[in-house]
Amino acid sequence: MVRCANGALYTGITNDLKGRIAAHNSGRGARYTAAFGPVELAWKTRRKDRSAASKLEAAIKKLARPAKEALAAGGPLKSIIKSCIK
């Protein structure tokens, strides 16, 4: 999860975090981050494979902003996800 210059949180997956952040900051990343960059890393975690990462990404994108901010502040992923997604 990265924080854009406008304060928005953008969630995505990658297997090259440094390269992805560099792409976002150069305008070659997602359309949203190109419009509202530069970005800085707000939160990260590892998953065992791309499928697990994609499922977590989808769950995080469904969260309300306060829950995403709690993740960025270091809150426990498992309890935040469980409390926000039924």
N, C-alpha and C. Protein backbone atom coordinates (compact mmCIF):
# COMPACT_ATOMS: atom_id res chain seq x y z
N MET A 1 0.86 -1.16 0.00
CA MET A 1 0.00 0.00 0.00
C MET A 1 0.91 1.23 0.00
N VAL A 2 0.61 2.15 -0.88
CA VAL A 2 1.38 3.39 -0.94
C VAL A 2 0.46 4.57 -0.68
N ARG A 3 1.06 5.63 -0.17
CA ARG A 3 0.31 6.87 0.04
C ARG A 3 0.72 7.85 -1.05
N CYS A 4 -0.29 8.35 -1.74
CA CYS A 4 -0.05 9.32 -2.81
C CYS A 4 0.14 10.72 -2.21
N ALA A 5 0.63 11.63 -3.00
CA ALA A 5 0.86 13.00 -2.54
C ALA A 5 -0.42 13.67 -2.05
N ASN A 6 -1.57 13.22 -2.57
CA ASN A 6 -2.85 13.81 -2.14
C ASN A 6 -3.40 13.15 -0.88
N GLY A 7 -2.65 12.21 -0.29
CA GLY A 7 -3.06 11.54 0.94
C GLY A 7 -3.81 10.24 0.73
N ALA A 8 -4.19 9.95 -0.50
CA ALA A 8 -4.94 8.72 -0.78
C ALA A 8 -4.03 7.50 -0.63
N LEU A 9 -4.65 6.37 -0.25
CA LEU A 9 -3.93 5.11 -0.15
C LEU A 9 -4.25 4.26 -1.37
N TYR A 10 -3.21 3.77 -2.04
CA TYR A 10 -3.36 2.94 -3.24
C TYR A 10 -2.81 1.56 -2.91
N THR A 11 -3.57 0.53 -3.21
CA THR A 11 -3.18 -0.85 -2.90
C THR A 11 -2.92 -1.63 -4.18
N GLY A 12 -1.84 -2.39 -4.19
CA GLY A 12 -1.51 -3.21 -5.33
C GLY A 12 -0.57 -4.33 -4.91
N ILE A 13 -0.22 -5.20 -5.86
CA ILE A 13 0.73 -6.28 -5.57
C ILE A 13 1.89 -6.22 -6.54
N THR A 14 3.03 -6.74 -6.11
CA THR A 14 4.22 -6.77 -6.95
C THR A 14 5.20 -7.78 -6.38
N ASN A 15 6.11 -8.23 -7.22
CA ASN A 15 7.21 -9.06 -6.71
C ASN A 15 8.52 -8.26 -6.75
N ASP A 16 8.43 -6.98 -7.08
CA ASP A 16 9.59 -6.07 -7.10
C ASP A 16 9.15 -4.73 -6.52
N LEU A 17 9.15 -4.64 -5.19
CA LEU A 17 8.62 -3.46 -4.51
C LEU A 17 9.36 -2.18 -4.89
N LYS A 18 10.68 -2.20 -4.84
CA LYS A 18 11.45 -0.99 -5.17
C LYS A 18 11.18 -0.55 -6.61
N GLY A 19 11.15 -1.51 -7.52
CA GLY A 19 10.88 -1.18 -8.92
C GLY A 19 9.48 -0.63 -9.13
N ARG A 20 8.52 -1.19 -8.42
CA ARG A 20 7.13 -0.73 -8.56
C ARG A 20 6.97 0.69 -8.03
N ILE A 21 7.58 0.99 -6.89
CA ILE A 21 7.49 2.35 -6.36
C ILE A 21 8.19 3.32 -7.31
N ALA A 22 9.33 2.93 -7.85
CA ALA A 22 10.02 3.79 -8.82
C ALA A 22 9.15 4.02 -10.05
N ALA A 23 8.46 2.98 -10.51
CA ALA A 23 7.57 3.13 -11.66
C ALA A 23 6.43 4.10 -11.35
N HIS A 24 5.83 3.95 -10.16
CA HIS A 24 4.75 4.88 -9.77
C HIS A 24 5.27 6.32 -9.75
N ASN A 25 6.45 6.51 -9.18
CA ASN A 25 6.98 7.87 -9.04
C ASN A 25 7.47 8.47 -10.34
N SER A 26 7.72 7.64 -11.34
CA SER A 26 8.14 8.17 -12.64
C SER A 26 6.96 8.36 -13.59
N GLY A 27 5.75 8.00 -13.12
CA GLY A 27 4.56 8.15 -13.96
C GLY A 27 4.26 6.93 -14.81
N ARG A 28 5.03 5.84 -14.64
CA ARG A 28 4.81 4.63 -15.43
C ARG A 28 4.00 3.57 -14.67
N GLY A 29 3.58 3.89 -13.46
CA GLY A 29 2.79 2.94 -12.67
C GLY A 29 1.33 3.03 -13.05
N ALA A 30 0.49 2.87 -12.08
CA ALA A 30 -0.95 2.94 -12.30
C ALA A 30 -1.37 4.35 -12.71
N ARG A 31 -2.45 4.43 -13.44
CA ARG A 31 -2.96 5.73 -13.90
C ARG A 31 -3.25 6.65 -12.71
N TYR A 32 -3.81 6.07 -11.63
CA TYR A 32 -4.15 6.87 -10.45
C TYR A 32 -2.90 7.48 -9.82
N THR A 33 -1.86 6.67 -9.63
CA THR A 33 -0.66 7.20 -8.99
C THR A 33 0.09 8.16 -9.90
N ALA A 34 -0.05 7.99 -11.20
CA ALA A 34 0.57 8.93 -12.13
C ALA A 34 -0.08 10.30 -11.97
N ALA A 35 -1.37 10.32 -11.72
CA ALA A 35 -2.10 11.58 -11.57
C ALA A 35 -1.89 12.21 -10.19
N PHE A 36 -1.70 11.38 -9.16
CA PHE A 36 -1.66 11.90 -7.80
C PHE A 36 -0.36 11.58 -7.06
N GLY A 37 0.68 11.22 -7.80
CA GLY A 37 1.98 10.91 -7.20
C GLY A 37 2.70 12.18 -6.83
N PRO A 38 3.87 12.08 -6.27
CA PRO A 38 4.61 10.85 -6.02
C PRO A 38 4.04 10.06 -4.85
N VAL A 39 4.51 8.82 -4.73
CA VAL A 39 4.02 7.94 -3.69
C VAL A 39 5.14 7.59 -2.71
N GLU A 40 4.72 7.16 -1.51
CA GLU A 40 5.68 6.61 -0.55
C GLU A 40 5.05 5.37 0.06
N LEU A 41 5.87 4.41 0.42
CA LEU A 41 5.38 3.17 0.98
C LEU A 41 4.68 3.43 2.31
N ALA A 42 3.45 2.93 2.45
CA ALA A 42 2.69 3.10 3.68
C ALA A 42 2.60 1.79 4.46
N TRP A 43 2.55 0.64 3.75
CA TRP A 43 2.41 -0.65 4.40
C TRP A 43 2.76 -1.75 3.42
N LYS A 44 3.35 -2.83 3.93
CA LYS A 44 3.65 -3.97 3.07
C LYS A 44 3.57 -5.25 3.88
N THR A 45 3.35 -6.35 3.18
CA THR A 45 3.40 -7.68 3.77
C THR A 45 3.73 -8.67 2.66
N ARG A 46 4.20 -9.82 3.04
CA ARG A 46 4.52 -10.86 2.07
C ARG A 46 3.43 -11.93 2.09
N ARG A 47 3.21 -12.54 0.96
CA ARG A 47 2.30 -13.68 0.84
C ARG A 47 3.06 -14.78 0.12
N LYS A 48 2.59 -16.04 0.31
CA LYS A 48 3.34 -17.19 -0.22
C LYS A 48 3.33 -17.27 -1.74
N ASP A 49 2.29 -16.75 -2.38
CA ASP A 49 2.21 -16.80 -3.84
C ASP A 49 1.31 -15.67 -4.36
N ARG A 50 1.26 -15.54 -5.66
CA ARG A 50 0.50 -14.45 -6.28
C ARG A 50 -1.00 -14.55 -5.99
N SER A 51 -1.51 -15.78 -5.94
CA SER A 51 -2.93 -15.98 -5.65
C SER A 51 -3.29 -15.43 -4.27
N ALA A 52 -2.48 -15.77 -3.28
CA ALA A 52 -2.73 -15.28 -1.92
C ALA A 52 -2.61 -13.76 -1.87
N ALA A 53 -1.63 -13.22 -2.59
CA ALA A 53 -1.45 -11.76 -2.62
C ALA A 53 -2.66 -11.08 -3.27
N SER A 54 -3.17 -11.66 -4.34
CA SER A 54 -4.33 -11.08 -5.02
C SER A 54 -5.57 -11.11 -4.14
N LYS A 55 -5.75 -12.19 -3.38
CA LYS A 55 -6.90 -12.28 -2.47
C LYS A 55 -6.80 -11.24 -1.37
N LEU A 56 -5.60 -11.05 -0.83
CA LEU A 56 -5.42 -10.05 0.22
C LEU A 56 -5.63 -8.65 -0.36
N GLU A 57 -5.11 -8.40 -1.55
CA GLU A 57 -5.30 -7.10 -2.20
C GLU A 57 -6.80 -6.79 -2.35
N ALA A 58 -7.57 -7.77 -2.81
CA ALA A 58 -9.01 -7.57 -2.98
C ALA A 58 -9.68 -7.27 -1.65
N ALA A 59 -9.27 -7.97 -0.59
CA ALA A 59 -9.86 -7.73 0.73
C ALA A 59 -9.52 -6.33 1.24
N ILE A 60 -8.29 -5.90 1.04
CA ILE A 60 -7.88 -4.57 1.50
C ILE A 60 -8.62 -3.49 0.72
N LYS A 61 -8.81 -3.69 -0.56
CA LYS A 61 -9.52 -2.69 -1.37
C LYS A 61 -10.97 -2.52 -0.93
N LYS A 62 -11.54 -3.53 -0.27
CA LYS A 62 -12.91 -3.44 0.22
C LYS A 62 -13.01 -2.72 1.55
N LEU A 63 -11.90 -2.52 2.22
CA LEU A 63 -11.91 -1.88 3.53
C LEU A 63 -12.25 -0.40 3.42
N ALA A 64 -12.86 0.12 4.47
CA ALA A 64 -13.10 1.56 4.57
C ALA A 64 -11.77 2.25 4.88
N ARG A 65 -11.70 3.51 4.59
CA ARG A 65 -10.45 4.25 4.79
C ARG A 65 -9.89 4.13 6.22
N PRO A 66 -10.72 4.22 7.27
CA PRO A 66 -10.16 4.10 8.62
C PRO A 66 -9.43 2.77 8.85
N ALA A 67 -9.93 1.70 8.27
CA ALA A 67 -9.26 0.41 8.42
C ALA A 67 -7.95 0.40 7.64
N LYS A 68 -7.92 1.01 6.47
CA LYS A 68 -6.67 1.10 5.71
C LYS A 68 -5.65 1.95 6.46
N GLU A 69 -6.11 3.03 7.07
CA GLU A 69 -5.21 3.88 7.86
C GLU A 69 -4.68 3.10 9.07
N ALA A 70 -5.52 2.24 9.66
CA ALA A 70 -5.07 1.41 10.78
C ALA A 70 -3.96 0.46 10.34
N LEU A 71 -4.10 -0.12 9.16
CA LEU A 71 -3.03 -0.97 8.61
C LEU A 71 -1.75 -0.17 8.42
N ALA A 72 -1.88 1.00 7.81
CA ALA A 72 -0.71 1.85 7.55
C ALA A 72 -0.03 2.26 8.86
N ALA A 73 -0.80 2.35 9.94
CA ALA A 73 -0.25 2.73 11.24
C ALA A 73 0.35 1.53 11.98
N GLY A 74 0.27 0.35 11.36
CA GLY A 74 0.87 -0.82 11.99
C GLY A 74 -0.10 -1.71 12.73
N GLY A 75 -1.39 -1.50 12.51
CA GLY A 75 -2.39 -2.35 13.16
C GLY A 75 -2.31 -3.78 12.68
N PRO A 76 -2.84 -4.71 13.47
CA PRO A 76 -2.78 -6.13 13.11
C PRO A 76 -3.70 -6.48 11.94
N LEU A 77 -3.10 -6.97 10.87
CA LEU A 77 -3.83 -7.28 9.64
C LEU A 77 -5.02 -8.19 9.88
N LYS A 78 -4.81 -9.29 10.56
CA LYS A 78 -5.86 -10.29 10.73
C LYS A 78 -7.10 -9.71 11.41
N SER A 79 -6.91 -8.98 12.49
CA SER A 79 -8.08 -8.44 13.19
C SER A 79 -8.77 -7.34 12.41
N ILE A 80 -8.01 -6.54 11.66
CA ILE A 80 -8.61 -5.47 10.86
C ILE A 80 -9.45 -6.07 9.74
N ILE A 81 -8.91 -7.04 9.04
CA ILE A 81 -9.65 -7.69 7.96
C ILE A 81 -10.90 -8.38 8.50
N LYS A 82 -10.77 -9.14 9.57
CA LYS A 82 -11.92 -9.86 10.13
C LYS A 82 -13.02 -8.92 10.60
N SER A 83 -12.63 -7.79 11.19
CA SER A 83 -13.64 -6.89 11.74
C SER A 83 -14.35 -6.07 10.66
N CYS A 84 -13.75 -5.95 9.50
CA CYS A 84 -14.31 -5.09 8.47
C CYS A 84 -14.99 -5.84 7.33
N ILE A 85 -14.64 -7.10 7.12
CA ILE A 85 -15.22 -7.86 6.02
C ILE A 85 -16.00 -9.02 6.59
N LYS A 86 -17.24 -9.07 6.26
CA LYS A 86 -18.12 -10.13 6.76
C LYS A 86 -18.12 -11.28 5.81
